[in-house]
Amino acid sequence: MAQNAAVASFPLGAGAGGLWYGLFPAAVSPVLVGGVTGGLLAATSVASAFAGIIADPIQKGLGLHHRRLHRLIDAVEKQWNAEHEDADFVAYDPYAARLMDVFDILSSAYRIAKA
């Protein structure tokens, strides 16, 4: 992307820019990479912070919170009152989050080892 931008903005035209940057390749500055990374991080952080504004009313309207809470309460009562080993409630969300964390750590380790 930096190479194409440099060729397109070359003062003597794209043809001369292609020749020039063919001999001397353009590189992205670390400040630009850091700025874009920081900007994306900030944008996704703000988006995830406000995602509940959209998701919570939808989940409330569908009754997801209510049903999951009652499943949890029923499973806890069943285990509390009787000595049953089989639980009806299984929380899948924490497992999915931890699995994604593992993939993220492995991909980061791979990129660090590759560099």
N, C-alpha and C. Protein backbone atom coordinates (compact mmCIF):
# COMPACT_ATOMS: atom_id res chain seq x y z
N MET A 1 0.83 -1.17 0.00
CA MET A 1 0.00 0.00 0.00
C MET A 1 0.88 1.25 0.00
N ALA A 2 1.97 1.20 0.77
CA ALA A 2 2.89 2.35 0.80
C ALA A 2 3.57 2.51 -0.55
N GLN A 3 3.90 1.41 -1.20
CA GLN A 3 4.55 1.45 -2.51
C GLN A 3 3.60 2.08 -3.54
N ASN A 4 2.34 1.65 -3.56
CA ASN A 4 1.38 2.20 -4.51
C ASN A 4 1.12 3.68 -4.27
N ALA A 5 1.03 4.07 -3.01
CA ALA A 5 0.81 5.48 -2.68
C ALA A 5 2.01 6.33 -3.09
N ALA A 6 3.20 5.79 -2.89
CA ALA A 6 4.41 6.54 -3.26
C ALA A 6 4.51 6.69 -4.77
N VAL A 7 4.21 5.64 -5.51
CA VAL A 7 4.26 5.71 -6.98
C VAL A 7 3.22 6.69 -7.50
N ALA A 8 2.01 6.65 -6.95
CA ALA A 8 0.94 7.52 -7.42
C ALA A 8 1.20 8.99 -7.12
N SER A 9 1.90 9.26 -6.02
CA SER A 9 2.14 10.65 -5.65
C SER A 9 3.52 11.15 -6.07
N PHE A 10 4.21 10.43 -6.93
CA PHE A 10 5.54 10.86 -7.38
C PHE A 10 5.39 12.13 -8.22
N PRO A 11 6.24 13.14 -7.98
CA PRO A 11 6.08 14.44 -8.67
C PRO A 11 6.20 14.38 -10.20
N LEU A 12 6.94 13.42 -10.73
CA LEU A 12 7.15 13.34 -12.18
C LEU A 12 6.19 12.38 -12.87
N GLY A 13 5.16 11.91 -12.13
CA GLY A 13 4.17 11.02 -12.73
C GLY A 13 4.33 9.59 -12.24
N ALA A 14 3.31 8.79 -12.53
CA ALA A 14 3.28 7.41 -12.05
C ALA A 14 4.32 6.54 -12.76
N GLY A 15 4.57 6.81 -14.05
CA GLY A 15 5.56 6.01 -14.78
C GLY A 15 6.95 6.19 -14.20
N ALA A 16 7.35 7.44 -14.00
CA ALA A 16 8.67 7.72 -13.41
C ALA A 16 8.71 7.25 -11.96
N GLY A 17 7.57 7.36 -11.26
CA GLY A 17 7.52 6.89 -9.88
C GLY A 17 7.68 5.39 -9.79
N GLY A 18 7.12 4.67 -10.77
CA GLY A 18 7.29 3.22 -10.80
C GLY A 18 8.74 2.82 -11.00
N LEU A 19 9.43 3.56 -11.87
CA LEU A 19 10.85 3.27 -12.08
C LEU A 19 11.67 3.62 -10.84
N TRP A 20 11.40 4.80 -10.27
CA TRP A 20 12.17 5.25 -9.11
C TRP A 20 11.98 4.31 -7.92
N TYR A 21 10.71 4.02 -7.62
CA TYR A 21 10.45 3.16 -6.46
C TYR A 21 10.68 1.69 -6.77
N GLY A 22 10.91 1.36 -8.04
CA GLY A 22 11.37 0.01 -8.37
C GLY A 22 12.81 -0.17 -7.94
N LEU A 23 13.61 0.89 -8.06
CA LEU A 23 15.01 0.85 -7.62
C LEU A 23 15.13 1.09 -6.12
N PHE A 24 14.32 1.99 -5.60
CA PHE A 24 14.38 2.35 -4.18
C PHE A 24 12.99 2.14 -3.57
N PRO A 25 12.71 0.95 -3.07
CA PRO A 25 11.36 0.65 -2.57
C PRO A 25 10.95 1.57 -1.40
N ALA A 26 9.69 1.91 -1.40
CA ALA A 26 9.14 2.74 -0.33
C ALA A 26 8.88 1.86 0.89
N ALA A 27 9.05 2.45 2.05
CA ALA A 27 8.82 1.72 3.30
C ALA A 27 7.84 2.53 4.16
N VAL A 28 7.08 1.82 4.94
CA VAL A 28 6.13 2.47 5.85
C VAL A 28 6.88 2.86 7.11
N SER A 29 6.65 4.08 7.57
CA SER A 29 7.34 4.53 8.78
C SER A 29 6.72 3.87 10.00
N PRO A 30 7.54 3.62 11.03
CA PRO A 30 7.01 3.04 12.27
C PRO A 30 5.96 3.92 12.94
N VAL A 31 6.06 5.22 12.76
CA VAL A 31 5.07 6.13 13.34
C VAL A 31 3.70 5.90 12.68
N LEU A 32 3.68 5.72 11.36
CA LEU A 32 2.44 5.45 10.66
C LEU A 32 1.83 4.12 11.09
N VAL A 33 2.65 3.10 11.21
CA VAL A 33 2.16 1.79 11.66
C VAL A 33 1.60 1.89 13.07
N GLY A 34 2.33 2.57 13.95
CA GLY A 34 1.85 2.75 15.33
C GLY A 34 0.58 3.56 15.40
N GLY A 35 0.49 4.58 14.57
CA GLY A 35 -0.71 5.42 14.56
C GLY A 35 -1.94 4.68 14.06
N VAL A 36 -1.77 3.90 12.99
CA VAL A 36 -2.89 3.12 12.46
C VAL A 36 -3.29 2.04 13.46
N THR A 37 -2.32 1.38 14.06
CA THR A 37 -2.61 0.34 15.05
C THR A 37 -3.33 0.93 16.26
N GLY A 38 -2.83 2.05 16.75
CA GLY A 38 -3.47 2.71 17.88
C GLY A 38 -4.87 3.20 17.56
N GLY A 39 -5.05 3.72 16.36
CA GLY A 39 -6.37 4.18 15.94
C GLY A 39 -7.37 3.03 15.84
N LEU A 40 -6.94 1.92 15.27
CA LEU A 40 -7.82 0.75 15.19
C LEU A 40 -8.14 0.20 16.57
N LEU A 41 -7.15 0.19 17.44
CA LEU A 41 -7.37 -0.28 18.80
C LEU A 41 -8.38 0.61 19.52
N ALA A 42 -8.23 1.91 19.37
CA ALA A 42 -9.17 2.83 20.01
C ALA A 42 -10.57 2.68 19.44
N ALA A 43 -10.68 2.56 18.12
CA ALA A 43 -12.00 2.42 17.49
C ALA A 43 -12.69 1.14 17.92
N THR A 44 -11.98 0.03 17.95
CA THR A 44 -12.60 -1.23 18.37
C THR A 44 -12.92 -1.23 19.85
N SER A 45 -12.12 -0.55 20.66
CA SER A 45 -12.42 -0.46 22.09
C SER A 45 -13.70 0.32 22.33
N VAL A 46 -13.86 1.43 21.64
CA VAL A 46 -15.07 2.22 21.79
C VAL A 46 -16.28 1.44 21.28
N ALA A 47 -16.12 0.75 20.15
CA ALA A 47 -17.23 -0.03 19.59
C ALA A 47 -17.64 -1.16 20.53
N SER A 48 -16.67 -1.85 21.12
CA SER A 48 -17.02 -2.94 22.03
C SER A 48 -17.59 -2.42 23.34
N ALA A 49 -17.17 -1.24 23.76
CA ALA A 49 -17.72 -0.67 24.99
C ALA A 49 -19.19 -0.31 24.83
N PHE A 50 -19.58 0.13 23.65
CA PHE A 50 -20.96 0.52 23.42
C PHE A 50 -21.78 -0.56 22.72
N ALA A 51 -21.23 -1.74 22.51
CA ALA A 51 -21.96 -2.81 21.83
C ALA A 51 -23.17 -3.26 22.65
N GLY A 52 -23.09 -3.15 23.96
CA GLY A 52 -24.20 -3.54 24.80
C GLY A 52 -25.43 -2.68 24.61
N ILE A 53 -25.24 -1.46 24.14
CA ILE A 53 -26.38 -0.58 23.89
C ILE A 53 -27.29 -1.19 22.83
N ILE A 54 -26.72 -1.88 21.89
CA ILE A 54 -27.50 -2.52 20.84
C ILE A 54 -27.88 -3.95 21.24
N ALA A 55 -26.92 -4.69 21.78
CA ALA A 55 -27.15 -6.12 22.05
C ALA A 55 -28.09 -6.37 23.22
N ASP A 56 -27.99 -5.61 24.29
CA ASP A 56 -28.81 -5.89 25.47
C ASP A 56 -30.32 -5.73 25.22
N PRO A 57 -30.79 -4.68 24.57
CA PRO A 57 -32.23 -4.61 24.31
C PRO A 57 -32.72 -5.75 23.41
N ILE A 58 -31.90 -6.15 22.47
CA ILE A 58 -32.28 -7.27 21.59
C ILE A 58 -32.39 -8.55 22.40
N GLN A 59 -31.39 -8.81 23.26
CA GLN A 59 -31.42 -10.02 24.09
C GLN A 59 -32.57 -9.97 25.08
N LYS A 60 -32.88 -8.80 25.60
CA LYS A 60 -34.01 -8.68 26.52
C LYS A 60 -35.31 -8.94 25.78
N GLY A 61 -35.43 -8.38 24.60
CA GLY A 61 -36.64 -8.60 23.80
C GLY A 61 -36.85 -10.06 23.43
N LEU A 62 -35.76 -10.76 23.17
CA LEU A 62 -35.86 -12.19 22.84
C LEU A 62 -35.98 -13.06 24.09
N GLY A 63 -35.74 -12.49 25.26
CA GLY A 63 -35.85 -13.25 26.50
C GLY A 63 -34.64 -14.11 26.81
N LEU A 64 -33.50 -13.83 26.18
CA LEU A 64 -32.31 -14.65 26.40
C LEU A 64 -31.78 -14.54 27.82
N HIS A 65 -31.70 -13.33 28.35
CA HIS A 65 -31.19 -13.15 29.71
C HIS A 65 -32.08 -13.87 30.72
N HIS A 66 -33.38 -13.74 30.54
CA HIS A 66 -34.34 -14.33 31.47
C HIS A 66 -34.23 -15.86 31.48
N ARG A 67 -34.20 -16.44 30.29
CA ARG A 67 -34.11 -17.91 30.19
C ARG A 67 -32.80 -18.43 30.74
N ARG A 68 -31.68 -17.77 30.43
CA ARG A 68 -30.37 -18.24 30.93
C ARG A 68 -30.29 -18.11 32.44
N LEU A 69 -30.83 -17.02 32.98
CA LEU A 69 -30.81 -16.85 34.42
C LEU A 69 -31.63 -17.93 35.11
N HIS A 70 -32.80 -18.24 34.57
CA HIS A 70 -33.64 -19.29 35.17
C HIS A 70 -33.01 -20.67 35.02
N ARG A 71 -32.34 -20.94 33.92
CA ARG A 71 -31.62 -22.21 33.79
C ARG A 71 -30.52 -22.33 34.83
N LEU A 72 -29.80 -21.22 35.06
CA LEU A 72 -28.75 -21.23 36.08
C LEU A 72 -29.34 -21.45 37.47
N ILE A 73 -30.40 -20.74 37.80
CA ILE A 73 -31.02 -20.87 39.11
C ILE A 73 -31.56 -22.29 39.32
N ASP A 74 -32.20 -22.84 38.30
CA ASP A 74 -32.73 -24.21 38.41
C ASP A 74 -31.61 -25.22 38.60
N ALA A 75 -30.50 -25.06 37.88
CA ALA A 75 -29.38 -25.99 38.03
C ALA A 75 -28.75 -25.89 39.40
N VAL A 76 -28.61 -24.67 39.92
CA VAL A 76 -28.03 -24.49 41.26
C VAL A 76 -28.95 -25.08 42.32
N GLU A 77 -30.26 -24.84 42.18
CA GLU A 77 -31.21 -25.42 43.13
C GLU A 77 -31.19 -26.94 43.09
N LYS A 78 -31.09 -27.51 41.89
CA LYS A 78 -31.06 -28.96 41.74
C LYS A 78 -29.84 -29.54 42.42
N GLN A 79 -28.69 -28.90 42.26
CA GLN A 79 -27.47 -29.40 42.90
C GLN A 79 -27.47 -29.11 44.39
N TRP A 80 -28.10 -28.06 44.82
CA TRP A 80 -28.13 -27.70 46.23
C TRP A 80 -29.04 -28.63 47.04
N ASN A 81 -30.23 -28.90 46.48
CA ASN A 81 -31.23 -29.69 47.20
C ASN A 81 -30.99 -31.18 47.10
N ALA A 82 -30.53 -31.63 46.00
CA ALA A 82 -30.30 -33.07 45.81
C ALA A 82 -28.83 -33.29 45.49
N GLU A 83 -28.41 -34.48 45.65
CA GLU A 83 -27.01 -34.81 45.39
C GLU A 83 -26.84 -35.35 43.98
N HIS A 84 -27.29 -34.58 43.01
CA HIS A 84 -27.17 -35.01 41.61
C HIS A 84 -25.81 -34.58 41.07
N GLU A 85 -25.24 -35.45 40.28
CA GLU A 85 -23.95 -35.13 39.66
C GLU A 85 -24.14 -34.47 38.29
N ASP A 86 -25.28 -34.74 37.67
CA ASP A 86 -25.51 -34.20 36.33
C ASP A 86 -26.15 -32.82 36.42
N ALA A 87 -25.49 -31.85 35.83
CA ALA A 87 -26.00 -30.48 35.84
C ALA A 87 -26.63 -30.18 34.49
N ASP A 88 -27.78 -29.50 34.51
CA ASP A 88 -28.44 -29.14 33.27
C ASP A 88 -27.85 -27.87 32.66
N PHE A 89 -27.18 -27.08 33.46
CA PHE A 89 -26.66 -25.79 33.00
C PHE A 89 -25.19 -25.93 32.63
N VAL A 90 -24.86 -25.52 31.44
CA VAL A 90 -23.47 -25.49 30.99
C VAL A 90 -23.22 -24.10 30.42
N ALA A 91 -22.24 -23.40 30.96
CA ALA A 91 -21.91 -22.06 30.47
C ALA A 91 -20.89 -22.19 29.35
N TYR A 92 -21.34 -21.91 28.12
CA TYR A 92 -20.46 -22.05 26.97
C TYR A 92 -19.65 -20.79 26.68
N ASP A 93 -20.17 -19.64 27.05
CA ASP A 93 -19.50 -18.38 26.72
C ASP A 93 -18.08 -18.29 27.28
N PRO A 94 -17.84 -18.62 28.56
CA PRO A 94 -16.47 -18.52 29.05
C PRO A 94 -15.50 -19.44 28.32
N TYR A 95 -16.01 -20.62 27.91
CA TYR A 95 -15.14 -21.54 27.19
C TYR A 95 -14.77 -20.99 25.82
N ALA A 96 -15.72 -20.39 25.14
CA ALA A 96 -15.44 -19.82 23.83
C ALA A 96 -14.46 -18.66 23.95
N ALA A 97 -14.62 -17.85 24.99
CA ALA A 97 -13.70 -16.72 25.18
C ALA A 97 -12.29 -17.22 25.48
N ARG A 98 -12.17 -18.23 26.30
CA ARG A 98 -10.84 -18.77 26.62
C ARG A 98 -10.21 -19.42 25.40
N LEU A 99 -11.03 -20.08 24.58
CA LEU A 99 -10.51 -20.70 23.36
C LEU A 99 -9.99 -19.63 22.41
N MET A 100 -10.70 -18.53 22.29
CA MET A 100 -10.22 -17.44 21.43
C MET A 100 -8.94 -16.83 22.00
N ASP A 101 -8.82 -16.74 23.33
CA ASP A 101 -7.60 -16.25 23.95
C ASP A 101 -6.42 -17.15 23.61
N VAL A 102 -6.65 -18.45 23.63
CA VAL A 102 -5.57 -19.39 23.30
C VAL A 102 -5.13 -19.19 21.86
N PHE A 103 -6.09 -19.08 20.92
CA PHE A 103 -5.72 -18.85 19.52
C PHE A 103 -4.99 -17.52 19.35
N ASP A 104 -5.39 -16.50 20.08
CA ASP A 104 -4.73 -15.20 20.01
C ASP A 104 -3.30 -15.28 20.52
N ILE A 105 -3.10 -15.97 21.62
CA ILE A 105 -1.75 -16.12 22.18
C ILE A 105 -0.88 -16.92 21.23
N LEU A 106 -1.42 -18.00 20.67
CA LEU A 106 -0.64 -18.81 19.74
C LEU A 106 -0.27 -18.03 18.48
N SER A 107 -1.21 -17.24 17.94
CA SER A 107 -0.88 -16.46 16.75
C SER A 107 0.14 -15.37 17.06
N SER A 108 0.05 -14.77 18.24
CA SER A 108 1.05 -13.76 18.63
C SER A 108 2.41 -14.40 18.79
N ALA A 109 2.46 -15.56 19.42
CA ALA A 109 3.73 -16.26 19.60
C ALA A 109 4.33 -16.65 18.25
N TYR A 110 3.48 -17.07 17.32
CA TYR A 110 3.96 -17.43 15.99
C TYR A 110 4.55 -16.22 15.28
N ARG A 111 3.86 -15.07 15.36
CA ARG A 111 4.37 -13.87 14.71
C ARG A 111 5.67 -13.40 15.33
N ILE A 112 5.80 -13.52 16.65
CA ILE A 112 7.04 -13.12 17.33
C ILE A 112 8.17 -14.06 16.94
N ALA A 113 7.89 -15.37 16.90
CA ALA A 113 8.92 -16.34 16.54
C ALA A 113 9.33 -16.21 15.08
N LYS A 114 8.39 -15.82 14.23
CA LYS A 114 8.65 -15.67 12.81
C LYS A 114 9.53 -14.46 12.51
N ALA A 115 9.41 -13.41 13.34
CA ALA A 115 10.15 -12.16 13.09
C ALA A 115 11.59 -12.24 13.47
